[in-house]
Amino acid sequence: MANELGRTVIHRYMYARSWALGDRKSPLATTPCMIGLEGDCETEVQITPFNATTNNEIPQTLTISANLPLSPPDFEQNSPIYETKIGHVLPPSLDEADAGEAAGHGGLLPISWQRLNHDSSLIDLATEPSIVVLVDAPQLASQQRKLVDALVTIKQRFPGSLIWTPGIGGPDNLAVLVWFGVDIFDLTRSRQCAASNVLLTAAGPRELLTSSSERADLESQLTHWRLAINEVKARLADRTLR
C-alpha cells in the first residue's frame, strides 16, 4: 500500500496552515479540506481528497484512503492508504486512567486525551505521521480548554502532520479550528442538521426560510462548506485569518 502523502505548506499563520497536497509543483488539492464518510453524497475530489471507513470490530480499525494520486515519487498513480487500530478510548474526564491497550502507530496516528496523558511512545516515534486523528474531539469540545490543550500539544509535537478532529467541524467554526491547526473536516454535524431539516451555515445552524426554496439536504449543506473553505483559504493567503 502507498503510505506517503506529499504535502507542502503554502500558507501559514500562527498554528494555521494551508497545505498543498501531492506534487508541490502541481498540487491536486489544498487544505482545509473534507474527508468523506460512509453515506456522504459525492463531492469533487479537490474538496474531498480523502475517504474514511471503520469496521465493526472492537477496538475498531480506521482506514483512510486518498481519492487522488498524492504519493511520491511520481505522483501519477499512487494514492496513499492508511490503516490503524483506534484502541480503547476512555472518556476525557478519566485523566488518570489508562485503557491499557495503545492505539496504532505509523502514517495514520489516532490520539485521544487519555493517550496524550499515558502513552510515552508518542514522544519518540520513528516517523512523523501524515495524518493525526483526535478521536475523542467531540468529548473534548464539551470540556473547558481540553480541546485547545490537545490541539496545541499535537501541533507542537507533530508540526508536519495533517490534523482531523472528527465530528466537531462546520462552516460556523471552520476558521477557529483552522486557527488551532485543524486541516481536515467531515460532514457529521451537517448530516445531523440535514436529518433535522436545519441548515448549517457560517453563522451557525438555523431553520429554513419558509419564504424561499431553501433545502437542508447534504448538497445544500455542502454549498455552505464550500463558501467557508474558500473564505478561510483566501484569508490564510492574505494573512487576515484572525
Protein backbone atom coordinates (compact mmCIF):
# COMPACT_ATOMS: atom_id res chain seq x y z
CA MET A 1 0.00 0.00 0.00
CA ALA A 2 1.22 3.52 -0.76
CA ASN A 3 1.63 5.29 2.54
CA GLU A 4 3.44 8.51 1.75
CA LEU A 5 1.49 11.73 1.48
CA GLY A 6 3.06 14.56 -0.48
CA ARG A 7 2.36 17.81 1.33
CA THR A 8 3.88 21.27 1.33
CA VAL A 9 2.92 24.34 3.35
CA ILE A 10 1.82 27.13 1.02
CA HIS A 11 0.37 29.50 3.62
CA ARG A 12 0.80 29.68 7.38
CA TYR A 13 -0.45 31.93 10.13
CA MET A 14 0.33 31.02 13.74
CA TYR A 15 -0.81 27.36 14.07
CA ALA A 16 -2.98 27.59 10.95
CA ARG A 17 -1.70 26.02 7.74
CA SER A 18 -2.80 25.65 4.14
CA TRP A 19 -1.13 22.55 2.74
CA ALA A 20 -0.70 21.73 -0.94
CA LEU A 21 -1.34 18.00 -1.38
CA GLY A 22 0.55 15.97 -3.95
CA ASP A 23 3.38 17.27 -6.11
CA ARG A 24 4.47 20.67 -4.85
CA LYS A 25 4.94 21.79 -8.47
CA SER A 26 1.35 20.92 -9.37
CA PRO A 27 -0.77 20.17 -6.28
CA LEU A 28 -4.10 18.43 -6.77
CA ALA A 29 -5.81 19.72 -3.62
CA THR A 30 -5.21 22.08 -0.73
CA THR A 31 -6.30 22.27 2.90
CA PRO A 32 -8.55 22.95 4.68
CA CYS A 33 -10.39 20.08 3.03
CA MET A 34 -13.05 17.46 3.66
CA ILE A 35 -12.90 13.73 4.33
CA GLY A 36 -15.76 11.60 3.06
CA LEU A 37 -17.60 9.19 5.37
CA GLU A 38 -19.92 6.33 4.51
CA GLY A 39 -23.28 7.71 3.41
CA ASP A 40 -21.98 11.10 2.29
CA CYS A 41 -23.02 12.45 -1.08
CA GLU A 42 -20.45 12.66 -3.84
CA THR A 43 -18.29 15.79 -3.96
CA GLU A 44 -15.46 16.98 -6.15
CA VAL A 45 -12.18 15.36 -5.12
CA GLN A 46 -10.47 18.73 -4.80
CA ILE A 47 -12.76 19.49 -1.86
CA THR A 48 -12.83 15.93 -0.51
CA PRO A 49 -9.45 14.32 -1.28
CA PHE A 50 -9.83 11.65 1.43
CA ASN A 51 -12.30 8.95 2.48
CA ALA A 52 -12.52 7.26 5.88
CA THR A 53 -14.10 3.97 6.91
CA THR A 54 -14.24 1.94 10.13
CA ASN A 55 -15.12 -1.70 10.74
CA ASN A 56 -17.44 -3.18 13.38
CA GLU A 57 -14.74 -4.84 15.45
CA ILE A 58 -13.73 -3.79 18.96
CA PRO A 59 -11.37 -1.99 19.01
CA GLN A 60 -12.17 -0.50 15.64
CA THR A 61 -9.84 -0.28 12.67
CA LEU A 62 -9.78 3.07 10.87
CA THR A 63 -8.85 3.22 7.19
CA ILE A 64 -8.16 6.47 5.34
CA SER A 65 -7.60 6.45 1.59
CA ALA A 66 -6.90 9.25 -0.85
CA ASN A 67 -9.11 9.92 -3.84
CA LEU A 68 -6.16 11.42 -5.74
CA PRO A 69 -2.60 10.30 -6.60
CA LEU A 70 -0.83 12.14 -3.78
CA SER A 71 2.12 9.81 -3.11
CA PRO A 72 5.71 10.45 -4.23
CA PRO A 73 7.84 9.93 -6.15
CA ASP A 74 5.90 10.11 -9.42
CA PHE A 75 2.53 11.47 -8.19
CA GLU A 76 0.79 9.75 -11.09
CA GLN A 77 -0.79 6.54 -9.84
CA ASN A 78 -0.04 6.14 -6.15
CA SER A 79 -2.78 7.14 -3.72
CA PRO A 80 -1.88 6.82 -0.03
CA ILE A 81 -3.84 4.35 2.08
CA TYR A 82 -3.56 4.21 5.87
CA GLU A 83 -4.95 1.66 8.31
CA THR A 84 -4.66 1.67 12.08
CA LYS A 85 -6.28 0.38 15.27
CA ILE A 86 -8.08 3.09 17.19
CA GLY A 87 -7.64 1.31 20.52
CA HIS A 88 -9.84 1.64 23.60
CA VAL A 89 -10.79 5.27 24.18
CA LEU A 90 -11.75 6.29 27.70
CA PRO A 91 -13.76 9.45 28.50
CA PRO A 92 -11.53 12.55 28.80
CA SER A 93 -12.77 13.01 32.37
CA LEU A 94 -10.78 9.93 33.39
CA ASP A 95 -7.46 11.75 33.19
CA GLU A 96 -5.62 9.39 35.50
CA ALA A 97 -6.94 6.15 33.97
CA ASP A 98 -5.05 4.10 31.41
CA ALA A 99 -7.02 1.95 28.96
CA GLY A 100 -4.08 -0.43 28.84
CA GLU A 101 -4.26 -1.02 25.08
CA ALA A 102 -2.43 1.51 22.96
CA ALA A 103 -3.74 2.54 19.58
CA GLY A 104 -1.76 2.12 16.37
CA HIS A 105 1.27 3.99 15.07
CA GLY A 106 2.52 4.82 11.60
CA GLY A 107 1.34 7.18 8.88
CA LEU A 108 -2.12 7.41 10.46
CA LEU A 109 -1.93 8.19 14.18
CA PRO A 110 -5.09 8.08 16.35
CA ILE A 111 -4.76 10.15 19.51
CA SER A 112 -7.11 10.61 22.45
CA TRP A 113 -6.85 12.69 25.62
CA GLN A 114 -6.10 9.52 27.53
CA ARG A 115 -3.32 8.58 25.11
CA LEU A 116 -1.78 12.04 25.33
CA ASN A 117 -1.56 11.56 29.08
CA HIS A 118 -0.32 7.97 29.21
CA ASP A 119 1.35 6.79 26.00
CA SER A 120 5.04 7.67 26.36
CA SER A 121 5.77 6.21 22.91
CA LEU A 122 4.34 9.38 21.33
CA ILE A 123 7.45 11.24 22.44
CA ASP A 124 9.82 9.19 20.32
CA LEU A 125 8.07 7.88 17.20
CA ALA A 126 10.29 6.54 14.43
CA THR A 127 8.50 8.58 11.76
CA GLU A 128 6.15 11.54 11.82
CA PRO A 129 2.59 10.58 10.87
CA SER A 130 0.99 12.00 7.76
CA ILE A 131 -2.41 12.34 9.47
CA VAL A 132 -3.24 12.65 13.18
CA VAL A 133 -6.84 11.93 14.23
CA LEU A 134 -8.09 13.32 17.54
CA VAL A 135 -10.61 10.53 18.04
CA ASP A 136 -12.38 11.96 21.10
CA ALA A 137 -12.70 15.52 19.77
CA PRO A 138 -16.48 15.77 20.46
CA GLN A 139 -15.96 14.85 24.13
CA LEU A 140 -13.03 17.26 24.47
CA ALA A 141 -15.04 20.08 22.89
CA SER A 142 -17.56 19.84 25.73
CA GLN A 143 -14.90 20.27 28.43
CA GLN A 144 -13.25 23.59 29.16
CA ARG A 145 -9.87 24.08 27.45
CA LYS A 146 -9.17 20.38 26.87
CA LEU A 147 -9.75 20.57 23.11
CA VAL A 148 -7.43 23.56 22.77
CA ASP A 149 -4.80 21.96 25.01
CA ALA A 150 -4.90 18.74 22.99
CA LEU A 151 -4.62 20.55 19.65
CA VAL A 152 -1.72 22.71 20.81
CA THR A 153 0.11 19.66 22.14
CA ILE A 154 -0.43 17.72 18.90
CA LYS A 155 0.59 20.68 16.73
CA GLN A 156 3.77 21.22 18.70
CA ARG A 157 4.68 17.53 18.68
CA PHE A 158 3.72 16.81 15.05
CA PRO A 159 4.08 20.10 13.12
CA GLY A 160 4.29 18.30 9.76
CA SER A 161 1.10 16.25 10.16
CA LEU A 162 -2.42 16.98 8.97
CA ILE A 163 -4.96 17.03 11.82
CA TRP A 164 -8.53 15.72 11.71
CA THR A 165 -10.99 16.31 14.55
CA PRO A 166 -13.96 14.07 13.66
CA GLY A 167 -17.47 15.23 14.38
CA ILE A 168 -16.98 18.84 15.52
CA GLY A 169 -16.34 20.92 12.41
CA GLY A 170 -18.79 23.07 10.49
CA PRO A 171 -18.89 26.20 8.35
CA ASP A 172 -19.54 28.11 11.56
CA ASN A 173 -16.32 27.12 13.37
CA LEU A 174 -14.06 26.23 10.46
CA ALA A 175 -11.88 29.34 10.82
CA VAL A 176 -11.44 28.84 14.58
CA LEU A 177 -10.46 25.19 14.20
CA VAL A 178 -8.04 26.00 11.36
CA TRP A 179 -6.57 28.70 13.63
CA PHE A 180 -5.74 25.95 16.15
CA GLY A 181 -4.19 23.73 13.48
CA VAL A 182 -7.03 21.51 12.19
CA ASP A 183 -6.76 20.67 8.48
CA ILE A 184 -9.38 18.01 7.69
CA PHE A 185 -13.13 18.20 8.31
CA ASP A 186 -16.18 15.95 7.89
CA LEU A 187 -19.91 16.30 7.37
CA THR A 188 -21.04 14.79 10.68
CA ARG A 189 -22.68 17.96 12.03
CA SER A 190 -24.14 18.80 8.62
CA ARG A 191 -25.67 15.32 8.40
CA GLN A 192 -27.24 15.82 11.82
CA CYS A 193 -28.65 19.16 10.68
CA ALA A 194 -29.93 17.64 7.44
CA ALA A 195 -31.76 14.96 9.44
CA SER A 196 -33.41 17.72 11.49
CA ASN A 197 -34.22 19.83 8.41
CA VAL A 198 -31.87 22.56 9.62
CA LEU A 199 -29.21 24.35 7.57
CA LEU A 200 -25.68 24.63 8.98
CA THR A 201 -24.22 27.92 7.77
CA ALA A 202 -21.22 30.09 8.58
CA ALA A 203 -23.40 31.81 11.19
CA GLY A 204 -24.43 28.50 12.78
CA PRO A 205 -27.44 26.19 12.39
CA ARG A 206 -30.75 27.80 11.52
CA GLU A 207 -34.25 26.94 10.38
CA LEU A 208 -35.07 27.07 6.68
CA LEU A 209 -36.71 30.19 5.34
CA THR A 210 -40.33 29.38 4.58
CA SER A 211 -40.46 32.17 2.00
CA SER A 212 -37.67 30.67 -0.11
CA SER A 213 -36.76 27.44 -1.84
CA GLU A 214 -34.03 26.56 0.66
CA ARG A 215 -33.34 22.91 1.37
CA ALA A 216 -31.42 21.14 4.12
CA ASP A 217 -30.16 18.15 2.11
CA LEU A 218 -26.44 17.37 2.05
CA GLU A 219 -25.94 19.08 -1.29
CA SER A 220 -27.27 22.30 0.21
CA GLN A 221 -25.15 21.82 3.32
CA LEU A 222 -22.07 21.38 1.12
CA THR A 223 -22.69 24.74 -0.52
CA HIS A 224 -22.04 26.43 2.81
CA TRP A 225 -18.96 24.28 3.39
CA ARG A 226 -17.52 25.34 0.03
CA LEU A 227 -18.08 29.01 0.79
CA ALA A 228 -16.49 28.70 4.24
CA ILE A 229 -13.49 26.72 2.97
CA ASN A 230 -12.81 29.20 0.18
CA GLU A 231 -13.08 32.11 2.62
CA VAL A 232 -10.59 30.55 5.03
CA LYS A 233 -8.16 29.72 2.23
CA ALA A 234 -8.34 33.31 0.99
CA ARG A 235 -7.79 34.68 4.50
CA LEU A 236 -4.80 32.39 5.01
CA ALA A 237 -3.34 33.56 1.71
CA ASP A 238 -3.52 37.24 2.67
CA ARG A 239 -2.76 36.60 6.37
CA THR A 240 -6.06 38.02 7.67
CA LEU A 241 -7.49 34.84 9.22
CA ARG A 242 -7.58 36.41 12.68
